Amino acid sequence: MTIWVPASCTLPTTEQPLRVAEFDALFAGRLTGTARPEPLRLLLVLTGGPGMEDSVR
């Protein structure tokens, strides 16, 4: 697992690995595509069913 948490993250240090693992699992299981419509904007395309949007939020 690669740790990519920026130094500016305000999440307590002990919780950061858990959050990284959540994102890793989400992207590994649901990410179907990406696009960069603008230099500072990344669009992630996720698959999902009922409740997926609430889970990601």
N, C-alpha and C. Protein backbone atom coordinates (compact mmCIF):
# COMPACT_ATOMS: atom_id res chain seq x y z
N MET A 1 0.85 -1.18 0.00
CA MET A 1 0.00 0.00 0.00
C MET A 1 0.89 1.24 0.00
N THR A 2 0.62 2.15 -0.89
CA THR A 2 1.35 3.40 -0.97
C THR A 2 0.63 4.45 -0.11
N ILE A 3 1.37 5.12 0.73
CA ILE A 3 0.78 6.18 1.55
C ILE A 3 0.90 7.49 0.77
N TRP A 4 -0.23 8.09 0.46
CA TRP A 4 -0.24 9.32 -0.32
C TRP A 4 -0.97 10.44 0.40
N VAL A 5 -1.07 10.34 1.72
CA VAL A 5 -1.76 11.36 2.50
C VAL A 5 -0.89 12.62 2.54
N PRO A 6 -1.44 13.75 2.11
CA PRO A 6 -0.64 14.98 2.12
C PRO A 6 -0.39 15.46 3.56
N ALA A 7 0.68 16.18 3.74
CA ALA A 7 1.03 16.72 5.06
C ALA A 7 -0.06 17.64 5.60
N SER A 8 -0.85 18.24 4.72
CA SER A 8 -1.89 19.18 5.15
C SER A 8 -3.15 18.48 5.66
N CYS A 9 -3.20 17.16 5.61
CA CYS A 9 -4.37 16.40 6.06
C CYS A 9 -4.62 16.64 7.54
N THR A 10 -5.86 16.92 7.91
CA THR A 10 -6.20 17.19 9.31
C THR A 10 -6.75 15.96 10.02
N LEU A 11 -6.87 14.84 9.34
CA LEU A 11 -7.31 13.60 9.95
C LEU A 11 -6.24 13.13 10.93
N PRO A 12 -6.62 12.68 12.13
CA PRO A 12 -5.60 12.21 13.07
C PRO A 12 -4.69 11.16 12.43
N THR A 13 -3.42 11.22 12.74
CA THR A 13 -2.42 10.34 12.13
C THR A 13 -2.79 8.87 12.25
N THR A 14 -3.36 8.47 13.37
CA THR A 14 -3.71 7.05 13.56
C THR A 14 -4.84 6.61 12.65
N GLU A 15 -5.67 7.54 12.19
CA GLU A 15 -6.79 7.20 11.32
C GLU A 15 -6.43 7.24 9.83
N GLN A 16 -5.31 7.87 9.49
CA GLN A 16 -4.95 8.02 8.08
C GLN A 16 -4.78 6.70 7.35
N PRO A 17 -4.11 5.69 7.91
CA PRO A 17 -3.98 4.42 7.19
C PRO A 17 -5.34 3.75 6.93
N LEU A 18 -6.27 3.91 7.85
CA LEU A 18 -7.61 3.34 7.66
C LEU A 18 -8.32 4.02 6.49
N ARG A 19 -8.19 5.33 6.40
CA ARG A 19 -8.83 6.07 5.31
C ARG A 19 -8.20 5.72 3.98
N VAL A 20 -6.87 5.59 3.96
CA VAL A 20 -6.17 5.20 2.73
C VAL A 20 -6.66 3.83 2.28
N ALA A 21 -6.82 2.90 3.22
CA ALA A 21 -7.31 1.55 2.89
C ALA A 21 -8.72 1.61 2.34
N GLU A 22 -9.57 2.48 2.88
CA GLU A 22 -10.93 2.64 2.36
C GLU A 22 -10.90 3.11 0.91
N PHE A 23 -10.06 4.10 0.61
CA PHE A 23 -9.96 4.60 -0.76
C PHE A 23 -9.38 3.53 -1.68
N ASP A 24 -8.37 2.81 -1.22
CA ASP A 24 -7.79 1.74 -2.03
C ASP A 24 -8.84 0.70 -2.40
N ALA A 25 -9.65 0.30 -1.43
CA ALA A 25 -10.70 -0.69 -1.67
C ALA A 25 -11.76 -0.14 -2.62
N LEU A 26 -12.14 1.11 -2.43
CA LEU A 26 -13.14 1.73 -3.31
C LEU A 26 -12.65 1.76 -4.75
N PHE A 27 -11.44 2.25 -4.96
CA PHE A 27 -10.92 2.37 -6.32
C PHE A 27 -10.66 1.00 -6.95
N ALA A 28 -10.18 0.05 -6.16
CA ALA A 28 -9.92 -1.29 -6.70
C ALA A 28 -11.20 -1.99 -7.13
N GLY A 29 -12.28 -1.74 -6.41
CA GLY A 29 -13.52 -2.45 -6.70
C GLY A 29 -14.52 -1.70 -7.56
N ARG A 30 -14.41 -0.40 -7.63
CA ARG A 30 -15.46 0.39 -8.29
C ARG A 30 -15.00 1.34 -9.39
N LEU A 31 -13.72 1.65 -9.46
CA LEU A 31 -13.23 2.62 -10.45
C LEU A 31 -13.20 2.00 -11.84
N THR A 32 -13.92 2.62 -12.76
CA THR A 32 -13.97 2.10 -14.14
C THR A 32 -13.32 3.03 -15.14
N GLY A 33 -13.04 4.26 -14.74
CA GLY A 33 -12.41 5.19 -15.66
C GLY A 33 -12.06 6.50 -15.01
N THR A 34 -11.20 7.25 -15.70
CA THR A 34 -10.81 8.57 -15.23
C THR A 34 -10.73 9.51 -16.43
N ALA A 35 -10.84 10.78 -16.15
CA ALA A 35 -10.66 11.80 -17.18
C ALA A 35 -10.13 13.05 -16.50
N ARG A 36 -9.36 13.83 -17.23
CA ARG A 36 -8.85 15.10 -16.70
C ARG A 36 -9.36 16.22 -17.61
N PRO A 37 -10.59 16.71 -17.33
CA PRO A 37 -11.17 17.75 -18.18
C PRO A 37 -10.47 19.10 -18.07
N GLU A 38 -9.78 19.33 -16.96
CA GLU A 38 -9.02 20.56 -16.74
C GLU A 38 -7.76 20.18 -15.98
N PRO A 39 -6.71 20.98 -16.04
CA PRO A 39 -5.46 20.62 -15.37
C PRO A 39 -5.60 20.33 -13.87
N LEU A 40 -6.48 21.02 -13.18
CA LEU A 40 -6.63 20.82 -11.74
C LEU A 40 -7.90 20.08 -11.38
N ARG A 41 -8.47 19.35 -12.32
CA ARG A 41 -9.72 18.62 -12.09
C ARG A 41 -9.57 17.19 -12.58
N LEU A 42 -9.96 16.23 -11.73
CA LEU A 42 -9.92 14.81 -12.09
C LEU A 42 -11.31 14.24 -11.92
N LEU A 43 -11.82 13.62 -12.94
CA LEU A 43 -13.13 12.98 -12.91
C LEU A 43 -12.92 11.49 -12.73
N LEU A 44 -13.51 10.92 -11.68
CA LEU A 44 -13.43 9.49 -11.42
C LEU A 44 -14.78 8.87 -11.76
N VAL A 45 -14.78 7.81 -12.55
CA VAL A 45 -16.01 7.12 -12.92
C VAL A 45 -16.08 5.84 -12.09
N LEU A 46 -17.12 5.74 -11.26
CA LEU A 46 -17.29 4.59 -10.38
C LEU A 46 -18.55 3.82 -10.74
N THR A 47 -18.49 2.48 -10.62
CA THR A 47 -19.69 1.68 -10.77
C THR A 47 -20.36 1.58 -9.42
N GLY A 48 -21.61 1.26 -9.43
CA GLY A 48 -22.27 1.10 -8.13
C GLY A 48 -23.75 0.85 -8.30
N GLY A 49 -24.36 0.57 -7.20
CA GLY A 49 -25.78 0.32 -7.16
C GLY A 49 -26.42 1.21 -6.12
N PRO A 50 -27.55 0.78 -5.63
CA PRO A 50 -28.24 1.57 -4.61
C PRO A 50 -27.34 1.83 -3.40
N GLY A 51 -27.31 3.06 -2.97
CA GLY A 51 -26.55 3.43 -1.79
C GLY A 51 -25.09 3.74 -2.04
N MET A 52 -24.63 3.52 -3.26
CA MET A 52 -23.21 3.74 -3.56
C MET A 52 -22.83 5.21 -3.38
N GLU A 53 -23.65 6.10 -3.86
CA GLU A 53 -23.33 7.53 -3.76
C GLU A 53 -23.20 7.94 -2.29
N ASP A 54 -24.12 7.50 -1.46
CA ASP A 54 -24.04 7.82 -0.03
C ASP A 54 -22.79 7.23 0.60
N SER A 55 -22.43 6.03 0.20
CA SER A 55 -21.22 5.38 0.73
C SER A 55 -19.97 6.16 0.36
N VAL A 56 -19.89 6.65 -0.87
CA VAL A 56 -18.72 7.38 -1.32
C VAL A 56 -18.65 8.75 -0.63
N ARG A 57 -19.78 9.38 -0.45
CA ARG A 57 -19.77 10.68 0.23
C ARG A 57 -19.28 10.53 1.64
